[in-house]
């Protein structure tokens, strides 16, 4: 404790996305900060593959492969369940994904059985606070109530009564009881702005997007398979997915190859390494 007040402590979190955006800006000349967060074609990626202009059919129903936060199986399942149509929905989904006992066994079920929708479930701290105040609860009461729920402390009897007094639906109260941790909204917004800007390049500057993606994933990239064409890529994915116990390395390879398959399906191609043309660290268009 004696050192506590005289040492500087820094929590430094490494993050790929700002590096990606800088790289994408260098390749395309587009300033990411000027990208509109309501770009319709980019928004479509989160609900179908129409913005990808696929030349060959693949068995993917969403366009978010390789988009940070939204490219994993878990995230894509959330997108299928909620069908987001605006940026605000993505922020809520990010909140739901980063909370504990907020989505699985909670909001997911409420959305599936149509009790609630992406706009009404508890997703981030700020939204919960605004919900309660919007129903007519005093701010001074709503804040400590939200703080208890977000830390997983559940609902004190007087808090539950206050929620009932402002006609909070029963499902909402039940949902708050299950929650262990809720994500702050500003954090979710920051993630989604990054993800959406990167997704914009996927739609409008696809080759730059893929060059950046494979640069980030170089460790899981198998050039022999990737340069071998669509058939070879599909065979390798099928082989890995058919293994009884694939290693983490193999699973990573399969998810990178899913993106290789998409590159081919959009009518693009890979060239082998060239001693005169290639870079030593990044993929080039």
C-alpha atoms as a PDB file:
ATOM      1  CA  UNK A   1       0.000   0.000   0.000  1.00  0.00           C
ATOM      2  CA  UNK A   2       2.916   2.382   0.658  1.00  0.00           C
ATOM      3  CA  UNK A   3       3.898   2.176  -3.033  1.00  0.00           C
ATOM      4  CA  UNK A   4       0.352   2.784  -4.227  1.00  0.00           C
ATOM      5  CA  UNK A   5       0.514   6.586  -4.315  1.00  0.00           C
ATOM      6  CA  UNK A   6       3.979   7.022  -5.775  1.00  0.00           C
ATOM      7  CA  UNK A   7       3.955   4.594  -8.706  1.00  0.00           C
ATOM      8  CA  UNK A   8       2.395   5.259 -12.083  1.00  0.00           C
ATOM      9  CA  UNK A   9       0.312   2.268 -13.159  1.00  0.00           C
ATOM     10  CA  UNK A  10      -0.654   1.910 -16.814  1.00  0.00           C
ATOM     11  CA  UNK A  11      -3.197  -0.554 -18.171  1.00  0.00           C
ATOM     12  CA  UNK A  12      -2.138  -0.784 -21.811  1.00  0.00           C
ATOM     13  CA  UNK A  13      -4.366  -2.883 -24.036  1.00  0.00           C
ATOM     14  CA  UNK A  14      -3.007  -3.956 -27.415  1.00  0.00           C
ATOM     15  CA  UNK A  15      -5.483  -3.510 -30.254  1.00  0.00           C
ATOM     16  CA  UNK A  16      -5.224  -4.586 -33.916  1.00  0.00           C
ATOM     17  CA  UNK A  17      -8.046  -2.393 -35.232  1.00  0.00           C
ATOM     18  CA  UNK A  18      -6.350   1.044 -35.193  1.00  0.00           C
ATOM     19  CA  UNK A  19      -3.365  -0.526 -36.989  1.00  0.00           C
ATOM     20  CA  UNK A  20      -5.731  -2.054 -39.561  1.00  0.00           C
ATOM     21  CA  UNK A  21      -7.429   1.278 -40.193  1.00  0.00           C
ATOM     22  CA  UNK A  22      -4.090   3.018 -40.679  1.00  0.00           C
ATOM     23  CA  UNK A  23      -3.016   0.305 -43.124  1.00  0.00           C
ATOM     24  CA  UNK A  24      -6.328   0.562 -45.010  1.00  0.00           C
ATOM     25  CA  UNK A  25      -5.947   4.338 -45.215  1.00  0.00           C
ATOM     26  CA  UNK A  26      -2.436   3.928 -46.647  1.00  0.00           C
ATOM     27  CA  UNK A  27      -3.692   1.474 -49.283  1.00  0.00           C
ATOM     28  CA  UNK A  28      -6.795   3.403 -50.372  1.00  0.00           C
ATOM     29  CA  UNK A  29      -6.270   7.053 -49.447  1.00  0.00           C
ATOM     30  CA  UNK A  30      -9.630   6.995 -47.625  1.00  0.00           C
ATOM     31  CA  UNK A  31      -9.640   8.707 -44.212  1.00  0.00           C
ATOM     32  CA  UNK A  32     -11.468   6.244 -41.912  1.00  0.00           C
ATOM     33  CA  UNK A  33     -12.698   9.065 -39.668  1.00  0.00           C
ATOM     34  CA  UNK A  34     -14.816  10.430 -42.532  1.00  0.00           C
ATOM     35  CA  UNK A  35     -16.634   7.113 -43.125  1.00  0.00           C
ATOM     36  CA  UNK A  36     -20.367   7.525 -42.498  1.00  0.00           C
ATOM     37  CA  UNK A  37     -21.758   5.111 -39.913  1.00  0.00           C
ATOM     38  CA  UNK A  38     -25.041   4.803 -41.813  1.00  0.00           C
ATOM     39  CA  UNK A  39     -23.596   3.467 -45.081  1.00  0.00           C
ATOM     40  CA  UNK A  40     -26.361   1.162 -46.316  1.00  0.00           C
ATOM     41  CA  UNK A  41     -24.205  -1.326 -48.222  1.00  0.00           C
ATOM     42  CA  UNK A  42     -21.940  -1.772 -45.192  1.00  0.00           C
ATOM     43  CA  UNK A  43     -24.945  -2.256 -42.900  1.00  0.00           C
ATOM     44  CA  UNK A  44     -26.242  -5.028 -45.199  1.00  0.00           C
ATOM     45  CA  UNK A  45     -23.152  -7.152 -44.408  1.00  0.00           C
ATOM     46  CA  UNK A  46     -24.644  -7.802 -40.963  1.00  0.00           C
ATOM     47  CA  UNK A  47     -27.830  -9.392 -42.347  1.00  0.00           C
ATOM     48  CA  UNK A  48     -26.923 -11.065 -45.680  1.00  0.00           C
ATOM     49  CA  UNK A  49     -24.221 -11.380 -48.378  1.00  0.00           C
ATOM     50  CA  UNK A  50     -25.784  -9.085 -51.016  1.00  0.00           C
ATOM     51  CA  UNK A  51     -23.102  -6.369 -50.602  1.00  0.00           C
ATOM     52  CA  UNK A  52     -20.318  -8.840 -51.449  1.00  0.00           C
ATOM     53  CA  UNK A  53     -21.439  -9.285 -55.101  1.00  0.00           C
ATOM     54  CA  UNK A  54     -20.487 -12.972 -55.015  1.00  0.00           C
ATOM     55  CA  UNK A  55     -19.607 -14.526 -58.373  1.00  0.00           C
ATOM     56  CA  UNK A  56     -19.670 -18.082 -56.996  1.00  0.00           C
ATOM     57  CA  UNK A  57     -22.139 -19.368 -54.406  1.00  0.00           C
ATOM     58  CA  UNK A  58     -20.803 -20.224 -50.928  1.00  0.00           C
ATOM     59  CA  UNK A  59     -22.740 -21.548 -47.960  1.00  0.00           C
ATOM     60  CA  UNK A  60     -22.359 -18.376 -45.882  1.00  0.00           C
ATOM     61  CA  UNK A  61     -25.479 -16.306 -45.205  1.00  0.00           C
ATOM     62  CA  UNK A  62     -23.758 -13.221 -43.710  1.00  0.00           C
ATOM     63  CA  UNK A  63     -21.040 -10.873 -44.964  1.00  0.00           C
ATOM     64  CA  UNK A  64     -19.165 -10.285 -41.709  1.00  0.00           C
ATOM     65  CA  UNK A  65     -16.325 -12.828 -42.006  1.00  0.00           C
ATOM     66  CA  UNK A  66     -13.108 -11.079 -40.994  1.00  0.00           C
ATOM     67  CA  UNK A  67     -14.913  -8.044 -39.542  1.00  0.00           C
ATOM     68  CA  UNK A  68     -13.666  -7.473 -35.958  1.00  0.00           C
ATOM     69  CA  UNK A  69     -16.234  -8.355 -33.247  1.00  0.00           C
ATOM     70  CA  UNK A  70     -18.729  -9.716 -35.788  1.00  0.00           C
ATOM     71  CA  UNK A  71     -16.883 -12.481 -37.653  1.00  0.00           C
ATOM     72  CA  UNK A  72     -16.937 -15.322 -35.092  1.00  0.00           C
ATOM     73  CA  UNK A  73     -19.545 -18.106 -35.048  1.00  0.00           C
ATOM     74  CA  UNK A  74     -20.940 -16.772 -31.763  1.00  0.00           C
ATOM     75  CA  UNK A  75     -21.314 -13.231 -33.144  1.00  0.00           C
ATOM     76  CA  UNK A  76     -22.820 -14.459 -36.408  1.00  0.00           C
ATOM     77  CA  UNK A  77     -25.400 -16.518 -34.509  1.00  0.00           C
ATOM     78  CA  UNK A  78     -26.353 -13.325 -32.639  1.00  0.00           C
ATOM     79  CA  UNK A  79     -26.725 -11.478 -35.947  1.00  0.00           C
ATOM     80  CA  UNK A  80     -28.988 -14.241 -37.304  1.00  0.00           C
ATOM     81  CA  UNK A  81     -31.165 -14.098 -34.189  1.00  0.00           C
ATOM     82  CA  UNK A  82     -31.526 -10.296 -34.166  1.00  0.00           C
ATOM     83  CA  UNK A  83     -31.271  -9.166 -37.823  1.00  0.00           C
ATOM     84  CA  UNK A  84     -29.796  -5.704 -37.065  1.00  0.00           C
ATOM     85  CA  UNK A  85     -30.711  -2.943 -39.511  1.00  0.00           C
ATOM     86  CA  UNK A  86     -28.972   0.096 -37.996  1.00  0.00           C
ATOM     87  CA  UNK A  87     -25.768   1.045 -36.217  1.00  0.00           C
ATOM     88  CA  UNK A  88     -27.549   1.377 -32.856  1.00  0.00           C
ATOM     89  CA  UNK A  89     -28.419  -2.344 -33.031  1.00  0.00           C
ATOM     90  CA  UNK A  90     -24.743  -3.235 -33.508  1.00  0.00           C
ATOM     91  CA  UNK A  91     -23.842  -1.270 -30.366  1.00  0.00           C
ATOM     92  CA  UNK A  92     -26.476  -3.179 -28.401  1.00  0.00           C
ATOM     93  CA  UNK A  93     -25.210  -6.493 -29.786  1.00  0.00           C
ATOM     94  CA  UNK A  94     -21.658  -5.614 -28.748  1.00  0.00           C
ATOM     95  CA  UNK A  95     -22.946  -4.865 -25.241  1.00  0.00           C
ATOM     96  CA  UNK A  96     -24.833  -8.165 -25.144  1.00  0.00           C
ATOM     97  CA  UNK A  97     -21.802 -10.123 -26.357  1.00  0.00           C
ATOM     98  CA  UNK A  98     -19.445  -8.662 -23.751  1.00  0.00           C
ATOM     99  CA  UNK A  99     -21.783  -8.976 -20.775  1.00  0.00           C
ATOM    100  CA  UNK A 100     -22.067 -12.057 -18.552  1.00  0.00           C
ATOM    101  CA  UNK A 101     -25.421 -13.893 -18.457  1.00  0.00           C
ATOM    102  CA  UNK A 102     -26.885 -11.032 -20.489  1.00  0.00           C
ATOM    103  CA  UNK A 103     -27.323 -12.818 -23.845  1.00  0.00           C
ATOM    104  CA  UNK A 104     -27.179 -16.613 -23.398  1.00  0.00           C
ATOM    105  CA  UNK A 105     -30.080 -17.871 -21.306  1.00  0.00           C
ATOM    106  CA  UNK A 106     -31.422 -14.321 -21.098  1.00  0.00           C
ATOM    107  CA  UNK A 107     -31.861 -11.769 -23.918  1.00  0.00           C
ATOM    108  CA  UNK A 108     -31.454 -14.456 -26.618  1.00  0.00           C
ATOM    109  CA  UNK A 109     -34.496 -16.353 -25.324  1.00  0.00           C
ATOM    110  CA  UNK A 110     -36.560 -13.156 -24.943  1.00  0.00           C
ATOM    111  CA  UNK A 111     -35.835 -12.214 -28.569  1.00  0.00           C
ATOM    112  CA  UNK A 112     -36.420 -15.753 -29.899  1.00  0.00           C
ATOM    113  CA  UNK A 113     -39.862 -16.057 -28.318  1.00  0.00           C
ATOM    114  CA  UNK A 114     -40.688 -12.461 -29.361  1.00  0.00           C
ATOM    115  CA  UNK A 115     -41.185 -11.206 -25.775  1.00  0.00           C
ATOM    116  CA  UNK A 116     -38.724  -8.402 -26.573  1.00  0.00           C
ATOM    117  CA  UNK A 117     -36.519  -7.227 -29.436  1.00  0.00           C
ATOM    118  CA  UNK A 118     -32.962  -5.963 -29.918  1.00  0.00           C
ATOM    119  CA  UNK A 119     -34.123  -2.435 -29.036  1.00  0.00           C
ATOM    120  CA  UNK A 120     -35.827  -3.323 -25.738  1.00  0.00           C
ATOM    121  CA  UNK A 121     -33.684  -5.990 -24.015  1.00  0.00           C
ATOM    122  CA  UNK A 122     -31.091  -5.010 -21.374  1.00  0.00           C
ATOM    123  CA  UNK A 123     -27.842  -4.651 -23.333  1.00  0.00           C
ATOM    124  CA  UNK A 124     -25.619  -1.903 -21.875  1.00  0.00           C
ATOM    125  CA  UNK A 125     -25.519  -0.059 -18.538  1.00  0.00           C
ATOM    126  CA  UNK A 126     -26.501   3.309 -19.994  1.00  0.00           C
ATOM    127  CA  UNK A 127     -29.507   1.844 -21.815  1.00  0.00           C
ATOM    128  CA  UNK A 128     -30.752   0.215 -18.633  1.00  0.00           C
ATOM    129  CA  UNK A 129     -30.463   3.499 -16.727  1.00  0.00           C
ATOM    130  CA  UNK A 130     -32.275   5.373 -19.521  1.00  0.00           C
ATOM    131  CA  UNK A 131     -35.009   2.701 -19.610  1.00  0.00           C
ATOM    132  CA  UNK A 132     -35.749   3.142 -15.895  1.00  0.00           C
ATOM    133  CA  UNK A 133     -35.626   6.952 -15.969  1.00  0.00           C
ATOM    134  CA  UNK A 134     -37.733   6.914 -19.145  1.00  0.00           C
ATOM    135  CA  UNK A 135     -40.399   4.922 -17.326  1.00  0.00           C
ATOM    136  CA  UNK A 136     -40.499   7.605 -14.652  1.00  0.00           C
ATOM    137  CA  UNK A 137     -38.063   6.401 -11.966  1.00  0.00           C
ATOM    138  CA  UNK A 138     -36.057   9.031 -10.045  1.00  0.00           C
ATOM    139  CA  UNK A 139     -32.452   9.180 -11.339  1.00  0.00           C
ATOM    140  CA  UNK A 140     -31.088   9.047  -7.783  1.00  0.00           C
ATOM    141  CA  UNK A 141     -32.846   5.709  -7.344  1.00  0.00           C
ATOM    142  CA  UNK A 142     -32.239   4.301 -10.813  1.00  0.00           C
ATOM    143  CA  UNK A 143     -28.441   4.728 -10.656  1.00  0.00           C
ATOM    144  CA  UNK A 144     -27.689   2.548  -7.588  1.00  0.00           C
ATOM    145  CA  UNK A 145     -30.237  -0.002  -8.881  1.00  0.00           C
ATOM    146  CA  UNK A 146     -28.394  -0.220 -12.222  1.00  0.00           C
ATOM    147  CA  UNK A 147     -25.025  -0.389 -10.416  1.00  0.00           C
ATOM    148  CA  UNK A 148     -26.200  -3.410  -8.387  1.00  0.00           C
ATOM    149  CA  UNK A 149     -27.475  -5.211 -11.493  1.00  0.00           C
ATOM    150  CA  UNK A 150     -24.368  -4.520 -13.585  1.00  0.00           C
ATOM    151  CA  UNK A 151     -22.142  -5.943 -10.837  1.00  0.00           C
ATOM    152  CA  UNK A 152     -24.313  -9.065 -10.607  1.00  0.00           C
ATOM    153  CA  UNK A 153     -25.763  -8.264  -7.185  1.00  0.00           C
ATOM    154  CA  UNK A 154     -29.354  -8.807  -8.332  1.00  0.00           C
ATOM    155  CA  UNK A 155     -32.309  -6.751  -7.091  1.00  0.00           C
ATOM    156  CA  UNK A 156     -32.988  -5.638  -3.517  1.00  0.00           C
ATOM    157  CA  UNK A 157     -36.704  -5.927  -2.576  1.00  0.00           C
ATOM    158  CA  UNK A 158     -37.125  -2.111  -2.527  1.00  0.00           C
ATOM    159  CA  UNK A 159     -35.528  -1.834  -5.978  1.00  0.00           C
ATOM    160  CA  UNK A 160     -37.820  -4.483  -7.387  1.00  0.00           C
ATOM    161  CA  UNK A 161     -40.814  -2.662  -5.917  1.00  0.00           C
ATOM    162  CA  UNK A 162     -39.621   0.615  -7.472  1.00  0.00           C
ATOM    163  CA  UNK A 163     -39.423  -1.127 -10.869  1.00  0.00           C
ATOM    164  CA  UNK A 164     -42.980  -2.436 -10.455  1.00  0.00           C
ATOM    165  CA  UNK A 165     -44.171   1.049  -9.428  1.00  0.00           C
ATOM    166  CA  UNK A 166     -43.078   2.470 -12.801  1.00  0.00           C
ATOM    167  CA  UNK A 167     -44.736  -0.444 -14.644  1.00  0.00           C
ATOM    168  CA  UNK A 168     -41.537  -2.248 -15.671  1.00  0.00           C
ATOM    169  CA  UNK A 169     -42.500  -5.489 -17.499  1.00  0.00           C
ATOM    170  CA  UNK A 170     -42.079  -8.740 -15.537  1.00  0.00           C
ATOM    171  CA  UNK A 171     -39.651 -10.153 -18.161  1.00  0.00           C
ATOM    172  CA  UNK A 172     -37.385  -7.094 -17.711  1.00  0.00           C
ATOM    173  CA  UNK A 173     -37.223  -7.582 -13.940  1.00  0.00           C
ATOM    174  CA  UNK A 174     -36.515 -11.320 -14.384  1.00  0.00           C
ATOM    175  CA  UNK A 175     -33.778 -10.486 -16.898  1.00  0.00           C
ATOM    176  CA  UNK A 176     -32.073  -8.119 -14.408  1.00  0.00           C
ATOM    177  CA  UNK A 177     -32.057 -10.910 -11.793  1.00  0.00           C
ATOM    178  CA  UNK A 178     -29.970 -13.192 -14.024  1.00  0.00           C
ATOM    179  CA  UNK A 179     -27.312 -10.644 -15.000  1.00  0.00           C
ATOM    180  CA  UNK A 180     -23.753 -10.995 -13.624  1.00  0.00           C
ATOM    181  CA  UNK A 181     -22.045  -8.149 -15.511  1.00  0.00           C
ATOM    182  CA  UNK A 182     -23.130  -5.454 -18.002  1.00  0.00           C
ATOM    183  CA  UNK A 183     -20.860  -3.688 -20.482  1.00  0.00           C
ATOM    184  CA  UNK A 184     -20.593   0.150 -20.596  1.00  0.00           C
ATOM    185  CA  UNK A 185     -22.136   1.683 -23.713  1.00  0.00           C
ATOM    186  CA  UNK A 186     -19.242   4.005 -24.657  1.00  0.00           C
ATOM    187  CA  UNK A 187     -16.943   0.977 -24.824  1.00  0.00           C
ATOM    188  CA  UNK A 188     -19.404  -0.837 -27.111  1.00  0.00           C
ATOM    189  CA  UNK A 189     -19.735   2.254 -29.318  1.00  0.00           C
ATOM    190  CA  UNK A 190     -15.940   2.551 -29.656  1.00  0.00           C
ATOM    191  CA  UNK A 191     -15.667  -1.111 -30.733  1.00  0.00           C
ATOM    192  CA  UNK A 192     -18.522  -0.784 -33.222  1.00  0.00           C
ATOM    193  CA  UNK A 193     -17.203   2.405 -34.826  1.00  0.00           C
ATOM    194  CA  UNK A 194     -13.900   0.591 -35.474  1.00  0.00           C
ATOM    195  CA  UNK A 195     -15.650  -2.540 -36.764  1.00  0.00           C
ATOM    196  CA  UNK A 196     -18.026  -0.616 -39.010  1.00  0.00           C
ATOM    197  CA  UNK A 197     -15.211   1.411 -40.566  1.00  0.00           C
ATOM    198  CA  UNK A 198     -13.271  -1.769 -41.317  1.00  0.00           C
ATOM    199  CA  UNK A 199     -16.467  -3.355 -42.701  1.00  0.00           C
ATOM    200  CA  UNK A 200     -16.877  -0.319 -45.006  1.00  0.00           C
ATOM    201  CA  UNK A 201     -13.568  -1.215 -46.676  1.00  0.00           C
ATOM    202  CA  UNK A 202     -14.731  -4.823 -47.044  1.00  0.00           C
ATOM    203  CA  UNK A 203     -17.624  -3.581 -49.202  1.00  0.00           C
ATOM    204  CA  UNK A 204     -16.048  -0.659 -51.095  1.00  0.00           C
ATOM    205  CA  UNK A 205     -12.321  -1.587 -51.190  1.00  0.00           C
ATOM    206  CA  UNK A 206     -12.334  -5.373 -50.938  1.00  0.00           C
ATOM    207  CA  UNK A 207      -8.736  -6.065 -51.984  1.00  0.00           C
ATOM    208  CA  UNK A 208      -7.415  -3.629 -49.373  1.00  0.00           C
ATOM    209  CA  UNK A 209      -9.644  -5.237 -46.739  1.00  0.00           C
ATOM    210  CA  UNK A 210      -8.375  -8.757 -47.511  1.00  0.00           C
ATOM    211  CA  UNK A 211      -4.732  -7.674 -47.745  1.00  0.00           C
ATOM    212  CA  UNK A 212      -5.061  -6.180 -44.264  1.00  0.00           C
ATOM    213  CA  UNK A 213      -6.973  -9.178 -42.877  1.00  0.00           C
ATOM    214  CA  UNK A 214      -4.407 -11.740 -44.038  1.00  0.00           C
ATOM    215  CA  UNK A 215      -1.561  -9.539 -42.792  1.00  0.00           C
ATOM    216  CA  UNK A 216      -3.133  -9.734 -39.309  1.00  0.00           C
ATOM    217  CA  UNK A 217      -3.685 -13.481 -39.663  1.00  0.00           C
ATOM    218  CA  UNK A 218      -0.383 -14.376 -41.317  1.00  0.00           C
ATOM    219  CA  UNK A 219       0.344 -17.110 -38.730  1.00  0.00           C
ATOM    220  CA  UNK A 220      -2.786 -19.039 -39.686  1.00  0.00           C
ATOM    221  CA  UNK A 221      -2.365 -18.514 -43.426  1.00  0.00           C
ATOM    222  CA  UNK A 222      -1.396 -21.467 -45.606  1.00  0.00           C
ATOM    223  CA  UNK A 223      -0.172 -20.008 -48.909  1.00  0.00           C
ATOM    224  CA  UNK A 224       0.010 -23.391 -50.657  1.00  0.00           C
ATOM    225  CA  UNK A 225      -3.687 -24.060 -49.994  1.00  0.00           C
ATOM    226  CA  UNK A 226      -4.717 -20.442 -50.692  1.00  0.00           C
ATOM    227  CA  UNK A 227      -2.900 -20.299 -54.044  1.00  0.00           C
ATOM    228  CA  UNK A 228      -4.301 -23.723 -54.938  1.00  0.00           C
ATOM    229  CA  UNK A 229      -7.685 -22.300 -55.850  1.00  0.00           C
ATOM    230  CA  UNK A 230     -11.252 -22.567 -54.578  1.00  0.00           C
ATOM    231  CA  UNK A 231     -11.506 -26.360 -54.817  1.00  0.00           C
ATOM    232  CA  UNK A 232      -8.389 -26.996 -52.760  1.00  0.00           C
ATOM    233  CA  UNK A 233      -9.470 -24.399 -50.169  1.00  0.00           C
ATOM    234  CA  UNK A 234     -12.910 -26.019 -49.788  1.00  0.00           C
ATOM    235  CA  UNK A 235     -11.367 -29.493 -49.439  1.00  0.00           C
ATOM    236  CA  UNK A 236      -9.037 -28.331 -46.672  1.00  0.00           C
ATOM    237  CA  UNK A 237     -11.878 -26.612 -44.759  1.00  0.00           C
ATOM    238  CA  UNK A 238     -13.991 -29.778 -45.092  1.00  0.00           C
ATOM    239  CA  UNK A 239     -11.115 -31.942 -43.839  1.00  0.00           C
ATOM    240  CA  UNK A 240     -10.520 -29.792 -40.734  1.00  0.00           C
ATOM    241  CA  UNK A 241     -14.238 -29.558 -39.923  1.00  0.00           C
ATOM    242  CA  UNK A 242     -14.575 -33.346 -40.211  1.00  0.00           C
ATOM    243  CA  UNK A 243     -11.825 -34.062 -37.644  1.00  0.00           C
ATOM    244  CA  UNK A 244     -13.076 -35.434 -34.344  1.00  0.00           C
ATOM    245  CA  UNK A 245     -10.807 -33.242 -32.222  1.00  0.00           C
ATOM    246  CA  UNK A 246      -9.232 -30.475 -34.312  1.00  0.00           C
ATOM    247  CA  UNK A 247      -6.474 -28.502 -32.542  1.00  0.00           C
ATOM    248  CA  UNK A 248      -6.868 -24.756 -31.932  1.00  0.00           C
ATOM    249  CA  UNK A 249      -4.272 -24.181 -34.664  1.00  0.00           C
ATOM    250  CA  UNK A 250      -6.415 -26.166 -37.131  1.00  0.00           C
ATOM    251  CA  UNK A 251      -9.572 -24.313 -36.119  1.00  0.00           C
ATOM    252  CA  UNK A 252      -7.782 -20.971 -36.633  1.00  0.00           C
ATOM    253  CA  UNK A 253      -6.615 -22.184 -40.040  1.00  0.00           C
ATOM    254  CA  UNK A 254     -10.181 -23.147 -41.021  1.00  0.00           C
ATOM    255  CA  UNK A 255     -11.548 -19.717 -40.066  1.00  0.00           C
ATOM    256  CA  UNK A 256      -8.826 -18.000 -42.141  1.00  0.00           C
ATOM    257  CA  UNK A 257      -9.586 -20.354 -45.056  1.00  0.00           C
ATOM    258  CA  UNK A 258     -13.280 -19.379 -44.843  1.00  0.00           C
ATOM    259  CA  UNK A 259     -12.116 -15.879 -45.779  1.00  0.00           C
ATOM    260  CA  UNK A 260      -9.856 -17.272 -48.548  1.00  0.00           C
ATOM    261  CA  UNK A 261     -12.950 -19.033 -49.944  1.00  0.00           C
ATOM    262  CA  UNK A 262     -14.859 -15.732 -49.869  1.00  0.00           C
ATOM    263  CA  UNK A 263     -12.020 -13.979 -51.757  1.00  0.00           C
ATOM    264  CA  UNK A 264     -12.353 -16.523 -54.574  1.00  0.00           C
ATOM    265  CA  UNK A 265     -16.160 -16.332 -54.499  1.00  0.00           C
ATOM    266  CA  UNK A 266     -15.944 -12.558 -55.045  1.00  0.00           C
ATOM    267  CA  UNK A 267     -13.835 -13.131 -58.157  1.00  0.00           C
ATOM    268  CA  UNK A 268     -10.404 -12.274 -56.720  1.00  0.00           C
ATOM    269  CA  UNK A 269      -7.238 -14.341 -56.725  1.00  0.00           C
ATOM    270  CA  UNK A 270      -3.972 -15.061 -54.890  1.00  0.00           C
ATOM    271  CA  UNK A 271      -0.495 -14.882 -56.401  1.00  0.00           C
ATOM    272  CA  UNK A 272       2.435 -16.851 -55.007  1.00  0.00           C
ATOM    273  CA  UNK A 273       5.281 -15.028 -53.222  1.00  0.00           C
ATOM    274  CA  UNK A 274       7.484 -13.117 -55.638  1.00  0.00           C
ATOM    275  CA  UNK A 275      10.997 -12.180 -54.566  1.00  0.00           C
ATOM    276  CA  UNK A 276      10.782  -8.862 -56.449  1.00  0.00           C
ATOM    277  CA  UNK A 277       7.133  -7.923 -55.897  1.00  0.00           C
ATOM    278  CA  UNK A 278       6.248  -9.163 -52.384  1.00  0.00           C
ATOM    279  CA  UNK A 279       6.741  -7.380 -49.064  1.00  0.00           C
ATOM    280  CA  UNK A 280       8.405  -9.170 -46.147  1.00  0.00           C
ATOM    281  CA  UNK A 281       5.672  -8.377 -43.595  1.00  0.00           C
ATOM    282  CA  UNK A 282       2.402  -7.367 -45.255  1.00  0.00           C
ATOM    283  CA  UNK A 283       0.147  -8.706 -47.997  1.00  0.00           C
ATOM    284  CA  UNK A 284       0.114  -6.479 -51.072  1.00  0.00           C
ATOM    285  CA  UNK A 285      -2.595  -5.917 -53.668  1.00  0.00           C
END
